[in-house]
Protein backbone atom coordinates (compact mmCIF):
# COMPACT_ATOMS: atom_id res chain seq x y z
CA ALA A 1 22.81 23.89 -5.59
CA ALA A 2 21.08 20.74 -6.77
CA THR A 3 19.24 18.58 -4.25
CA PRO A 4 20.71 15.07 -4.01
CA ALA A 5 18.54 12.34 -5.50
CA ALA A 6 16.48 10.27 -3.10
CA PRO A 7 17.50 6.63 -2.67
CA ALA A 8 15.61 4.20 -4.89
CA VAL A 9 13.51 1.41 -3.45
CA ALA A 10 14.05 -2.10 -4.78
CA ALA A 11 11.27 -3.19 -7.11
CA ASP A 12 9.99 -5.90 -4.79
CA ALA A 13 11.57 -5.15 -1.43
CA PRO A 14 10.93 -1.90 0.39
CA ALA A 15 14.29 -2.23 2.17
CA ALA A 16 15.48 1.28 1.33
CA ALA A 17 13.05 4.07 2.07
CA PRO A 18 12.48 6.96 -0.32
CA ALA A 19 12.93 10.44 1.06
CA PRO A 20 9.85 11.87 2.82
CA LEU A 21 7.33 13.32 0.38
CA ALA A 22 7.48 16.75 1.98
CA ALA A 23 11.24 16.92 1.51
CA ALA A 24 11.54 15.37 -1.94
CA PRO A 25 8.31 15.16 -3.96
CA ASP A 26 10.21 13.96 -7.02
CA ALA A 27 11.80 10.98 -5.23
CA ALA A 28 11.73 8.00 -7.56
CA VAL A 29 9.98 4.96 -6.19
CA GLY A 30 11.31 1.56 -7.09
CA ALA A 31 14.32 0.50 -9.08
CA ALA A 32 14.53 -2.03 -11.84
CA ALA A 33 16.72 -5.06 -11.23
CA THR A 34 19.22 -3.67 -13.70
CA GLY A 35 20.37 -0.14 -14.25
CA GLY A 36 18.60 1.43 -11.28
CA ALA A 37 15.81 2.84 -13.43
CA PRO A 38 12.65 3.74 -11.50
CA ALA A 39 10.01 1.02 -11.48
CA GLY A 40 6.45 1.54 -12.64
CA GLY A 41 7.45 3.75 -15.55
CA GLY A 42 9.40 6.19 -13.36
CA MET A 43 6.47 7.03 -11.10
CA THR A 44 7.34 9.13 -8.07
CA VAL A 45 6.05 9.14 -4.51
CA GLN A 46 4.24 12.36 -5.47
CA HIS A 47 2.56 10.57 -8.40
CA TRP A 48 1.40 7.70 -6.18
CA ALA A 49 0.21 10.11 -3.47
CA GLU A 50 -1.92 11.90 -6.06
CA ASN A 51 -3.28 8.64 -7.52
CA GLN A 52 -4.56 6.72 -4.51
CA ALA A 53 -8.08 6.47 -6.01
CA GLN A 54 -7.09 3.18 -7.67
CA PHE A 55 -6.96 1.68 -4.16
CA ALA A 56 -10.38 3.06 -3.10
CA ASN A 57 -11.78 -0.46 -2.67
CA MET A 58 -9.23 -1.14 0.10
CA PRO A 59 -9.43 -0.09 3.76
CA PRO A 60 -8.25 3.44 4.57
CA LEU A 61 -4.68 3.86 5.81
CA PRO A 62 -3.41 5.83 8.79
CA GLU A 63 -2.38 9.44 8.22
CA ASN A 64 0.71 9.92 5.99
CA TRP A 65 0.59 6.36 4.57
CA ILE A 66 -0.02 5.57 0.89
CA ARG A 67 -0.10 2.42 -1.21
CA ILE A 68 2.33 1.89 -4.08
CA ARG A 69 2.22 -0.87 -6.67
CA SER A 70 5.70 -2.23 -7.45
CA SER A 71 6.86 -3.13 -10.95
CA SER A 72 5.82 -6.74 -10.23
CA SER A 73 2.34 -5.53 -9.09
CA ARG A 74 2.93 -6.14 -5.36
CA ILE A 75 1.39 -3.46 -3.17
CA TYR A 76 3.56 -1.95 -0.48
CA PHE A 77 3.13 0.95 1.89
CA VAL A 78 5.07 4.21 2.19
CA ASN A 79 4.89 6.73 4.98
CA THR A 80 5.23 10.01 3.09
CA PHE A 81 6.38 11.81 6.23
CA THR A 82 9.08 9.43 7.51
CA GLY A 83 9.98 7.63 4.28
CA GLU A 84 9.39 4.24 5.94
CA THR A 85 8.37 1.45 3.55
CA GLN A 86 6.92 -1.97 4.29
CA PHE A 87 4.89 -4.77 2.73
CA VAL A 88 2.71 -5.21 5.84
CA GLU A 89 -0.25 -2.85 6.06
CA PRO A 90 0.47 -0.28 8.81
CA PRO A 91 -1.60 -0.59 11.98
CA ASP A 92 -4.50 1.81 12.19
CA LEU A 93 -4.38 2.07 16.01
CA PRO A 94 -1.73 3.62 18.24
CA PRO A 95 0.52 1.22 20.19
CA GLY A 96 -1.26 -0.49 23.09
CA TRP A 97 -4.79 -0.08 21.72
CA THR A 98 -6.90 -3.02 20.55
CA LYS A 99 -10.23 -3.15 18.76
CA GLN A 100 -12.93 -5.04 20.71
CA VAL A 101 -16.59 -5.90 20.23
CA SER A 102 -18.98 -5.66 23.16
CA LYS A 103 -20.55 -9.05 23.91
CA SER A 104 -23.71 -7.40 25.23
CA SER A 105 -24.33 -4.71 22.59
CA GLY A 106 -22.23 -5.84 19.61
CA LYS A 107 -20.76 -2.33 19.36
CA THR A 108 -17.09 -1.82 18.53
CA TYR A 109 -14.93 -0.16 21.17
CA TYR A 110 -11.21 0.35 21.73
CA PHE A 111 -9.26 -0.82 24.77
CA HIS A 112 -5.81 0.09 26.13
CA ALA A 113 -4.94 -2.65 28.66
CA ALA A 114 -1.82 -1.00 30.17
CA ARG A 115 -3.71 2.21 30.89
CA GLY A 116 -7.06 0.59 31.70
CA LEU A 117 -8.88 2.83 29.21
CA ASN A 118 -11.72 2.11 26.83
CA THR A 119 -13.55 4.31 24.37
CA PHE A 120 -16.07 4.03 21.54
CA GLU A 121 -14.12 6.71 19.65
CA LYS A 122 -11.30 5.25 17.56
CA PRO A 123 -7.90 6.45 18.84
CA ARG A 124 -5.74 8.11 16.18
CA VAL A 125 -2.29 6.88 15.25
C-alpha cells in the first residue's frame, strides 16, 4: 500500500508541519501559492537535511533541527523528529536553563534558577 503524502508547508509560513524525517524522508517542503507544488524546486526535508553546509556560517542548532530556505528565501527551522516548523530559531538550552557570564572570571556558565543548579558544561536540549 502507498504511504500517504506528507502535508505541504506554506512557502512563507511554517504553519503546517511536514512529517518527521524518519517517517517520511520524501516529504515535500513548502508549497507554491498556487497549485500546491513544492517550493524550492521540489526540495524535500531529506534534501535540506543533507545540504546543511550552506548554513555553516550560522550558529549550530539543537539536535534534530535543520534550516530550510523557503521559496522567498526566508530561513525557517524544522525539527526532523517531530515535524515542528517555526521561523524563530529554536532555543539551544533545555527549559529553565539560562546562559550566564561570571563577573569575576568572565567564563560562561549555565544556571537553572528553579533547581538552584549551575554548571560550566552546557546542558543539552
